[in-house]
C-alpha atoms as a PDB file:
ATOM      1  CA  MET A   1     -53.281   2.745 -49.773  1.00  0.00           C
ATOM      2  CA  ASP A   2     -50.023   0.933 -49.264  1.00  0.00           C
ATOM      3  CA  ARG A   3     -50.228  -2.376 -47.571  1.00  0.00           C
ATOM      4  CA  VAL A   4     -47.893  -2.882 -44.617  1.00  0.00           C
ATOM      5  CA  PRO A   5     -46.446  -6.377 -44.608  1.00  0.00           C
ATOM      6  CA  LEU A   6     -47.735  -8.592 -41.809  1.00  0.00           C
ATOM      7  CA  SER A   7     -44.178  -9.165 -40.572  1.00  0.00           C
ATOM      8  CA  ASN A   8     -43.761  -5.419 -39.887  1.00  0.00           C
ATOM      9  CA  ILE A   9     -46.995  -5.338 -37.866  1.00  0.00           C
ATOM     10  CA  ILE A  10     -45.917  -8.373 -35.866  1.00  0.00           C
ATOM     11  CA  LEU A  11     -42.457  -6.858 -35.321  1.00  0.00           C
ATOM     12  CA  ARG A  12     -43.914  -3.560 -34.078  1.00  0.00           C
ATOM     13  CA  ALA A  13     -46.348  -5.370 -31.775  1.00  0.00           C
ATOM     14  CA  LEU A  14     -43.524  -7.524 -30.417  1.00  0.00           C
ATOM     15  CA  ILE A  15     -41.360  -4.447 -29.769  1.00  0.00           C
ATOM     16  CA  ALA A  16     -44.263  -2.745 -27.983  1.00  0.00           C
ATOM     17  CA  VAL A  17     -44.946  -5.804 -25.802  1.00  0.00           C
ATOM     18  CA  LEU A  18     -41.268  -6.259 -24.955  1.00  0.00           C
ATOM     19  CA  SER A  19     -40.905  -2.561 -24.143  1.00  0.00           C
ATOM     20  CA  LEU A  20     -43.881  -2.744 -21.807  1.00  0.00           C
ATOM     21  CA  ALA A  21     -42.545  -5.919 -20.173  1.00  0.00           C
ATOM     22  CA  LEU A  22     -39.142  -4.296 -19.674  1.00  0.00           C
ATOM     23  CA  THR A  23     -40.724  -1.192 -18.136  1.00  0.00           C
ATOM     24  CA  VAL A  24     -42.813  -3.278 -15.741  1.00  0.00           C
ATOM     25  CA  SER A  25     -39.862  -5.462 -14.734  1.00  0.00           C
ATOM     26  CA  VAL A  26     -37.594  -2.452 -14.100  1.00  0.00           C
ATOM     27  CA  GLY A  27     -40.353  -0.835 -12.026  1.00  0.00           C
ATOM     28  CA  THR A  28     -40.799  -4.011 -10.002  1.00  0.00           C
ATOM     29  CA  TRP A  29     -37.049  -4.304  -9.473  1.00  0.00           C
ATOM     30  CA  TRP A  30     -36.808  -0.665  -8.365  1.00  0.00           C
ATOM     31  CA  ARG A  31     -39.648  -1.077  -5.857  1.00  0.00           C
ATOM     32  CA  ALA A  32     -38.111  -4.282  -4.449  1.00  0.00           C
ATOM     33  CA  ARG A  33     -34.776  -2.486  -4.123  1.00  0.00           C
ATOM     34  CA  GLN A  34     -36.387   0.347  -2.151  1.00  0.00           C
ATOM     35  CA  ASP A  35     -38.170  -2.137   0.109  1.00  0.00           C
ATOM     36  CA  LEU A  36     -34.889  -3.960   0.720  1.00  0.00           C
ATOM     37  CA  GLN A  37     -33.184  -0.692   1.695  1.00  0.00           C
ATOM     38  CA  ILE A  38     -35.980   0.043   4.182  1.00  0.00           C
ATOM     39  CA  VAL A  39     -35.716  -3.428   5.710  1.00  0.00           C
ATOM     40  CA  THR A  40     -31.923  -3.157   5.886  1.00  0.00           C
ATOM     41  CA  ALA A  41     -32.159   0.165   7.738  1.00  0.00           C
ATOM     42  CA  ALA A  42     -34.733  -1.266  10.148  1.00  0.00           C
ATOM     43  CA  ASN A  43     -32.526  -4.310  10.725  1.00  0.00           C
ATOM     44  CA  ALA A  44     -29.561  -2.079  11.572  1.00  0.00           C
ATOM     45  CA  SER A  45     -31.698  -0.172  14.054  1.00  0.00           C
ATOM     46  CA  VAL A  46     -32.880  -3.386  15.708  1.00  0.00           C
ATOM     47  CA  ARG A  47     -29.307  -4.688  15.927  1.00  0.00           C
ATOM     48  CA  LYS A  48     -28.132  -1.476  17.596  1.00  0.00           C
ATOM     49  CA  THR A  49     -31.002  -1.555  20.084  1.00  0.00           C
ATOM     50  CA  LEU A  50     -30.374  -5.231  20.841  1.00  0.00           C
ATOM     51  CA  GLY A  51     -26.687  -4.520  21.365  1.00  0.00           C
ATOM     52  CA  ASP A  52     -27.502  -1.676  23.749  1.00  0.00           C
ATOM     53  CA  LEU A  53     -29.874  -3.947  25.678  1.00  0.00           C
ATOM     54  CA  MET A  54     -27.264  -6.691  25.944  1.00  0.00           C
ATOM     55  CA  VAL A  55     -24.720  -4.209  27.317  1.00  0.00           C
ATOM     56  CA  ALA A  56     -27.258  -2.942  29.867  1.00  0.00           C
ATOM     57  CA  ILE A  57     -28.206  -6.482  30.929  1.00  0.00           C
ATOM     58  CA  THR A  58     -24.551  -7.459  31.318  1.00  0.00           C
ATOM     59  CA  GLN A  59     -23.925  -4.385  33.466  1.00  0.00           C
ATOM     60  CA  ARG A  60     -26.941  -5.202  35.666  1.00  0.00           C
ATOM     61  CA  GLU A  61     -25.757  -8.792  36.067  1.00  0.00           C
ATOM     62  CA  ARG A  62     -22.330  -7.534  37.167  1.00  0.00           C
ATOM     63  CA  ASP A  63     -23.986  -5.179  39.648  1.00  0.00           C
ATOM     64  CA  ILE A  64     -26.072  -8.041  41.045  1.00  0.00           C
ATOM     65  CA  ASP A  65     -23.031 -10.309  41.321  1.00  0.00           C
ATOM     66  CA  ARG A  66     -21.068  -7.552  43.046  1.00  0.00           C
ATOM     67  CA  LEU A  67     -23.889  -6.875  45.516  1.00  0.00           C
ATOM     68  CA  THR A  68     -24.426 -10.541  46.356  1.00  0.00           C
ATOM     69  CA  LYS A  69     -20.701 -10.916  47.159  1.00  0.00           C
ATOM     70  CA  SER A  70     -20.488  -7.805  49.343  1.00  0.00           C
ATOM     71  CA  PRO A  71     -19.665  -8.219  53.086  1.00  0.00           C
ATOM     72  CA  CYS A  72     -22.875  -6.461  54.132  1.00  0.00           C
ATOM     73  CA  ASN A  73     -24.928  -9.059  52.362  1.00  0.00           C
ATOM     74  CA  ALA A  74     -23.050 -11.885  54.118  1.00  0.00           C
ATOM     75  CA  ASP A  75     -23.933 -10.354  57.524  1.00  0.00           C
ATOM     76  CA  GLU A  76     -27.604 -10.230  56.577  1.00  0.00           C
ATOM     77  CA  ARG A  77     -27.591 -13.918  55.597  1.00  0.00           C
ATOM     78  CA  SER A  78     -26.110 -15.019  58.918  1.00  0.00           C
ATOM     79  CA  GLN A  79     -28.930 -13.445  60.937  1.00  0.00           C
END
């Protein structure tokens, strides 16, 4: 039986460990990337909803201001 030098065994073990570490790190990176894409999409949805709410609130405030300045409202206050 031929003897394999110890340095070859160590080299093969090191390559196996580094390959496994690289596979795990790429998998972790890929999962984090997917999570970031999900959060980014959710953030865009929240921003759009918040923008729509701000527009609606501004419109309601204008309606309230317009109604409080109307002549009919001034007559009601004087009574």
